[in-house]
């Protein structure tokens, strides 16, 4: 597996490492011996997360990292396709920002993969599901708005169930202006 390290970004290569020592059939990750970053393909990450979720410890409080804002934001390139990856808070609430290529995998900086797996083992996925459910319920109660108006005018928002009223009002106002100017 000859892939460039997204963390080093200097030509350093990632090296394949089996997840279980002495088991050549075990899934592999690609790790950098220079910066300690790890590249994980989607199917391997799913396996890791599933195994960690089976080890959830009863009523443990999820271990969340605090999001670090130190240093500049760097958008890393996928080592497989070269496209800039998205930075995402793993599971939305873990506090660990990872770099994700939706097609090829996830890059974890040094120590991020162990933090993510500890988060999962401590019940973090259940927390993420509760937060997601609460957010969906909150959004369902909010009125849905759609933009209206013409380019170059002040854009407002209208209730999508009342779009015909706003369109009619705008047309009548336009027609009145045209007749007034005639």
C-alpha atoms as a PDB file:
ATOM      1  CA  UNK A   1       0.000   0.000   0.000  1.00  0.00           C
ATOM      2  CA  UNK A   2       2.037   2.927  -1.288  1.00  0.00           C
ATOM      3  CA  UNK A   3       0.069   5.995  -0.311  1.00  0.00           C
ATOM      4  CA  UNK A   4       1.333   9.475   0.593  1.00  0.00           C
ATOM      5  CA  UNK A   5       0.772  10.542   4.198  1.00  0.00           C
ATOM      6  CA  UNK A   6      -1.874  13.320   4.360  1.00  0.00           C
ATOM      7  CA  UNK A   7      -0.415  14.513   7.671  1.00  0.00           C
ATOM      8  CA  UNK A   8       3.168  14.907   6.513  1.00  0.00           C
ATOM      9  CA  UNK A   9       2.314  16.121   3.002  1.00  0.00           C
ATOM     10  CA  UNK A  10       5.980  15.813   2.025  1.00  0.00           C
ATOM     11  CA  UNK A  11       6.064  12.534   0.159  1.00  0.00           C
ATOM     12  CA  UNK A  12       6.317  10.354   3.267  1.00  0.00           C
ATOM     13  CA  UNK A  13       4.609   7.036   2.606  1.00  0.00           C
ATOM     14  CA  UNK A  14       2.010   5.244   4.715  1.00  0.00           C
ATOM     15  CA  UNK A  15       2.774   1.623   5.623  1.00  0.00           C
ATOM     16  CA  UNK A  16       0.214  -1.193   5.871  1.00  0.00           C
ATOM     17  CA  UNK A  17      -0.316  -2.581   9.368  1.00  0.00           C
ATOM     18  CA  UNK A  18      -2.634  -5.498  10.208  1.00  0.00           C
ATOM     19  CA  UNK A  19      -5.155  -4.753  12.948  1.00  0.00           C
ATOM     20  CA  UNK A  20      -4.254  -8.035  14.652  1.00  0.00           C
ATOM     21  CA  UNK A  21      -0.583  -8.913  14.822  1.00  0.00           C
ATOM     22  CA  UNK A  22       0.418 -12.196  13.179  1.00  0.00           C
ATOM     23  CA  UNK A  23      -2.912 -12.458  11.305  1.00  0.00           C
ATOM     24  CA  UNK A  24      -2.335 -11.773   7.595  1.00  0.00           C
ATOM     25  CA  UNK A  25      -6.086 -12.060   6.913  1.00  0.00           C
ATOM     26  CA  UNK A  26      -6.906  -9.278   9.386  1.00  0.00           C
ATOM     27  CA  UNK A  27      -7.958  -5.919   7.919  1.00  0.00           C
ATOM     28  CA  UNK A  28      -5.134  -3.423   7.519  1.00  0.00           C
ATOM     29  CA  UNK A  29      -4.773   0.258   8.230  1.00  0.00           C
ATOM     30  CA  UNK A  30      -2.104   2.472   6.707  1.00  0.00           C
ATOM     31  CA  UNK A  31       0.062   4.216   9.275  1.00  0.00           C
ATOM     32  CA  UNK A  32       2.787   6.833   9.065  1.00  0.00           C
ATOM     33  CA  UNK A  33       5.918   6.080  11.077  1.00  0.00           C
ATOM     34  CA  UNK A  34       6.891   9.765  10.957  1.00  0.00           C
ATOM     35  CA  UNK A  35       3.803  11.606  12.282  1.00  0.00           C
ATOM     36  CA  UNK A  36       1.775   8.695  13.694  1.00  0.00           C
ATOM     37  CA  UNK A  37      -1.244   9.382  11.505  1.00  0.00           C
ATOM     38  CA  UNK A  38      -3.481   6.515  10.411  1.00  0.00           C
ATOM     39  CA  UNK A  39      -5.473   6.070   7.178  1.00  0.00           C
ATOM     40  CA  UNK A  40      -8.505   3.794   7.538  1.00  0.00           C
ATOM     41  CA  UNK A  41     -10.744   2.648   4.700  1.00  0.00           C
ATOM     42  CA  UNK A  42     -14.540   2.803   5.314  1.00  0.00           C
ATOM     43  CA  UNK A  43     -15.086  -0.955   5.687  1.00  0.00           C
ATOM     44  CA  UNK A  44     -12.193  -1.237   8.150  1.00  0.00           C
ATOM     45  CA  UNK A  45     -13.443   1.743  10.172  1.00  0.00           C
ATOM     46  CA  UNK A  46     -16.894   0.162  10.304  1.00  0.00           C
ATOM     47  CA  UNK A  47     -15.326  -3.059  11.623  1.00  0.00           C
ATOM     48  CA  UNK A  48     -13.320  -1.160  14.262  1.00  0.00           C
ATOM     49  CA  UNK A  49     -16.321   0.867  15.418  1.00  0.00           C
ATOM     50  CA  UNK A  50     -18.593  -2.197  15.494  1.00  0.00           C
ATOM     51  CA  UNK A  51     -16.067  -4.139  17.595  1.00  0.00           C
ATOM     52  CA  UNK A  52     -15.615  -1.175  19.950  1.00  0.00           C
ATOM     53  CA  UNK A  53     -19.394  -0.722  20.281  1.00  0.00           C
ATOM     54  CA  UNK A  54     -19.703  -4.343  21.440  1.00  0.00           C
ATOM     55  CA  UNK A  55     -17.441  -3.455  24.356  1.00  0.00           C
ATOM     56  CA  UNK A  56     -19.616  -0.618  25.723  1.00  0.00           C
ATOM     57  CA  UNK A  57     -19.264  -0.427  29.493  1.00  0.00           C
ATOM     58  CA  UNK A  58     -22.728  -0.177  31.062  1.00  0.00           C
ATOM     59  CA  UNK A  59     -23.486   3.302  32.349  1.00  0.00           C
ATOM     60  CA  UNK A  60     -20.126   4.877  31.554  1.00  0.00           C
ATOM     61  CA  UNK A  61     -20.143   8.551  30.599  1.00  0.00           C
ATOM     62  CA  UNK A  62     -18.940   8.934  26.983  1.00  0.00           C
ATOM     63  CA  UNK A  63     -15.311  10.053  26.790  1.00  0.00           C
ATOM     64  CA  UNK A  64     -15.397  13.170  24.640  1.00  0.00           C
ATOM     65  CA  UNK A  65     -12.341  15.107  23.585  1.00  0.00           C
ATOM     66  CA  UNK A  66     -12.383  18.886  23.617  1.00  0.00           C
ATOM     67  CA  UNK A  67     -12.181  20.287  20.127  1.00  0.00           C
ATOM     68  CA  UNK A  68      -8.838  21.957  19.660  1.00  0.00           C
ATOM     69  CA  UNK A  69      -8.760  25.194  17.715  1.00  0.00           C
ATOM     70  CA  UNK A  70      -5.016  25.671  18.138  1.00  0.00           C
ATOM     71  CA  UNK A  71      -3.153  26.289  14.921  1.00  0.00           C
ATOM     72  CA  UNK A  72      -4.400  26.928  11.411  1.00  0.00           C
ATOM     73  CA  UNK A  73      -7.132  24.832   9.829  1.00  0.00           C
ATOM     74  CA  UNK A  74      -5.587  22.514   7.252  1.00  0.00           C
ATOM     75  CA  UNK A  75      -7.634  20.662   4.670  1.00  0.00           C
ATOM     76  CA  UNK A  76      -5.721  17.513   3.884  1.00  0.00           C
ATOM     77  CA  UNK A  77      -5.846  15.614   0.621  1.00  0.00           C
ATOM     78  CA  UNK A  78      -7.096  12.059   0.336  1.00  0.00           C
ATOM     79  CA  UNK A  79      -4.063   9.815  -0.202  1.00  0.00           C
ATOM     80  CA  UNK A  80      -6.020   7.780  -2.755  1.00  0.00           C
ATOM     81  CA  UNK A  81      -7.729  10.394  -4.969  1.00  0.00           C
ATOM     82  CA  UNK A  82      -5.959  13.641  -4.005  1.00  0.00           C
ATOM     83  CA  UNK A  83      -9.214  15.545  -3.340  1.00  0.00           C
ATOM     84  CA  UNK A  84      -9.430  17.759  -0.235  1.00  0.00           C
ATOM     85  CA  UNK A  85     -11.094  15.896   2.606  1.00  0.00           C
ATOM     86  CA  UNK A  86     -13.848  17.222   4.871  1.00  0.00           C
ATOM     87  CA  UNK A  87     -13.059  17.876   8.511  1.00  0.00           C
ATOM     88  CA  UNK A  88     -15.726  16.272  10.698  1.00  0.00           C
ATOM     89  CA  UNK A  89     -16.360  15.860  14.382  1.00  0.00           C
ATOM     90  CA  UNK A  90     -16.541  12.049  14.609  1.00  0.00           C
ATOM     91  CA  UNK A  91     -20.166  11.005  15.307  1.00  0.00           C
ATOM     92  CA  UNK A  92     -20.998  14.712  15.601  1.00  0.00           C
ATOM     93  CA  UNK A  93     -20.281  14.835  19.347  1.00  0.00           C
ATOM     94  CA  UNK A  94     -16.983  13.029  20.030  1.00  0.00           C
ATOM     95  CA  UNK A  95     -14.873  16.176  20.042  1.00  0.00           C
ATOM     96  CA  UNK A  96     -12.352  14.517  17.715  1.00  0.00           C
ATOM     97  CA  UNK A  97     -11.975  16.196  14.329  1.00  0.00           C
ATOM     98  CA  UNK A  98     -11.050  13.721  11.615  1.00  0.00           C
ATOM     99  CA  UNK A  99     -10.384  14.154   7.904  1.00  0.00           C
ATOM    100  CA  UNK A 100     -12.881  12.261   5.737  1.00  0.00           C
ATOM    101  CA  UNK A 101     -12.921  11.343   2.059  1.00  0.00           C
ATOM    102  CA  UNK A 102     -16.474  10.110   1.552  1.00  0.00           C
ATOM    103  CA  UNK A 103     -15.303   7.681  -1.097  1.00  0.00           C
ATOM    104  CA  UNK A 104     -12.012   6.295   0.220  1.00  0.00           C
ATOM    105  CA  UNK A 105     -11.670   6.607   3.991  1.00  0.00           C
ATOM    106  CA  UNK A 106     -10.782   8.592   7.090  1.00  0.00           C
ATOM    107  CA  UNK A 107      -7.438   9.997   8.214  1.00  0.00           C
ATOM    108  CA  UNK A 108      -6.738  10.166  11.947  1.00  0.00           C
ATOM    109  CA  UNK A 109      -3.918  12.298  13.324  1.00  0.00           C
ATOM    110  CA  UNK A 110      -1.635  10.796  15.961  1.00  0.00           C
ATOM    111  CA  UNK A 111      -3.742   9.463  18.893  1.00  0.00           C
ATOM    112  CA  UNK A 112      -7.114  10.337  17.295  1.00  0.00           C
ATOM    113  CA  UNK A 113      -8.066   6.745  16.445  1.00  0.00           C
ATOM    114  CA  UNK A 114      -7.594   5.549  20.058  1.00  0.00           C
ATOM    115  CA  UNK A 115      -9.655   8.568  21.251  1.00  0.00           C
ATOM    116  CA  UNK A 116     -12.462   7.714  18.813  1.00  0.00           C
ATOM    117  CA  UNK A 117     -12.484   4.048  19.847  1.00  0.00           C
ATOM    118  CA  UNK A 118     -12.506   5.011  23.546  1.00  0.00           C
ATOM    119  CA  UNK A 119     -15.438   7.332  22.794  1.00  0.00           C
ATOM    120  CA  UNK A 120     -17.317   4.458  21.139  1.00  0.00           C
ATOM    121  CA  UNK A 121     -16.471   1.990  23.951  1.00  0.00           C
ATOM    122  CA  UNK A 122     -17.763   4.470  26.531  1.00  0.00           C
ATOM    123  CA  UNK A 123     -21.196   4.630  24.886  1.00  0.00           C
ATOM    124  CA  UNK A 124     -20.522   7.587  22.616  1.00  0.00           C
ATOM    125  CA  UNK A 125     -22.597   6.275  19.722  1.00  0.00           C
ATOM    126  CA  UNK A 126     -25.668   6.107  21.972  1.00  0.00           C
ATOM    127  CA  UNK A 127     -24.995   9.714  23.002  1.00  0.00           C
ATOM    128  CA  UNK A 128     -24.643  10.713  19.329  1.00  0.00           C
ATOM    129  CA  UNK A 129     -27.970   9.015  18.534  1.00  0.00           C
ATOM    130  CA  UNK A 130     -29.724  10.815  21.432  1.00  0.00           C
ATOM    131  CA  UNK A 131     -28.340  14.174  20.312  1.00  0.00           C
ATOM    132  CA  UNK A 132     -29.349  13.477  16.696  1.00  0.00           C
ATOM    133  CA  UNK A 133     -32.867  12.416  17.728  1.00  0.00           C
ATOM    134  CA  UNK A 134     -33.269  15.541  19.886  1.00  0.00           C
ATOM    135  CA  UNK A 135     -32.043  17.763  17.021  1.00  0.00           C
ATOM    136  CA  UNK A 136     -34.423  16.129  14.519  1.00  0.00           C
ATOM    137  CA  UNK A 137     -37.347  16.602  16.932  1.00  0.00           C
ATOM    138  CA  UNK A 138     -36.396  20.264  17.450  1.00  0.00           C
ATOM    139  CA  UNK A 139     -36.125  20.837  13.693  1.00  0.00           C
ATOM    140  CA  UNK A 140     -39.502  19.164  13.083  1.00  0.00           C
ATOM    141  CA  UNK A 141     -41.147  21.759  15.357  1.00  0.00           C
ATOM    142  CA  UNK A 142     -39.614  24.713  13.507  1.00  0.00           C
ATOM    143  CA  UNK A 143     -41.527  26.233  10.612  1.00  0.00           C
ATOM    144  CA  UNK A 144     -39.943  25.419   7.277  1.00  0.00           C
ATOM    145  CA  UNK A 145     -39.083  28.452   5.210  1.00  0.00           C
ATOM    146  CA  UNK A 146     -38.272  28.900   1.551  1.00  0.00           C
ATOM    147  CA  UNK A 147     -36.705  31.971  -0.032  1.00  0.00           C
ATOM    148  CA  UNK A 148     -38.759  34.254  -2.262  1.00  0.00           C
ATOM    149  CA  UNK A 149     -38.124  37.470  -4.093  1.00  0.00           C
ATOM    150  CA  UNK A 150     -36.302  38.500  -7.227  1.00  0.00           C
ATOM    151  CA  UNK A 151     -32.527  38.735  -7.688  1.00  0.00           C
ATOM    152  CA  UNK A 152     -31.286  42.128  -6.617  1.00  0.00           C
ATOM    153  CA  UNK A 153     -34.159  42.685  -4.207  1.00  0.00           C
ATOM    154  CA  UNK A 154     -34.373  42.163  -0.481  1.00  0.00           C
ATOM    155  CA  UNK A 155     -34.826  38.414   0.003  1.00  0.00           C
ATOM    156  CA  UNK A 156     -37.393  37.414   2.561  1.00  0.00           C
ATOM    157  CA  UNK A 157     -38.730  34.100   3.705  1.00  0.00           C
ATOM    158  CA  UNK A 158     -42.156  32.622   3.385  1.00  0.00           C
ATOM    159  CA  UNK A 159     -43.985  29.687   4.813  1.00  0.00           C
ATOM    160  CA  UNK A 160     -43.900  27.078   2.003  1.00  0.00           C
ATOM    161  CA  UNK A 161     -47.598  26.399   2.615  1.00  0.00           C
ATOM    162  CA  UNK A 162     -48.339  30.061   1.902  1.00  0.00           C
ATOM    163  CA  UNK A 163     -46.201  30.555  -1.226  1.00  0.00           C
ATOM    164  CA  UNK A 164     -49.166  31.305  -3.452  1.00  0.00           C
ATOM    165  CA  UNK A 165     -50.249  34.207  -1.207  1.00  0.00           C
ATOM    166  CA  UNK A 166     -46.789  35.811  -1.373  1.00  0.00           C
ATOM    167  CA  UNK A 167     -46.511  35.294  -5.138  1.00  0.00           C
ATOM    168  CA  UNK A 168     -49.943  36.844  -5.644  1.00  0.00           C
ATOM    169  CA  UNK A 169     -49.074  39.770  -3.387  1.00  0.00           C
ATOM    170  CA  UNK A 170     -45.847  40.389  -5.295  1.00  0.00           C
ATOM    171  CA  UNK A 171     -47.631  40.205  -8.659  1.00  0.00           C
ATOM    172  CA  UNK A 172     -50.342  42.643  -7.562  1.00  0.00           C
ATOM    173  CA  UNK A 173     -47.691  45.073  -6.259  1.00  0.00           C
ATOM    174  CA  UNK A 174     -45.765  44.793  -9.552  1.00  0.00           C
ATOM    175  CA  UNK A 175     -48.923  45.287 -11.636  1.00  0.00           C
ATOM    176  CA  UNK A 176     -49.894  48.345  -9.549  1.00  0.00           C
ATOM    177  CA  UNK A 177     -46.445  49.867 -10.126  1.00  0.00           C
ATOM    178  CA  UNK A 178     -46.709  49.247 -13.890  1.00  0.00           C
ATOM    179  CA  UNK A 179     -50.203  50.768 -14.095  1.00  0.00           C
ATOM    180  CA  UNK A 180     -49.191  53.698 -11.913  1.00  0.00           C
ATOM    181  CA  UNK A 181     -46.213  54.480 -14.176  1.00  0.00           C
ATOM    182  CA  UNK A 182     -48.301  54.145 -17.381  1.00  0.00           C
END
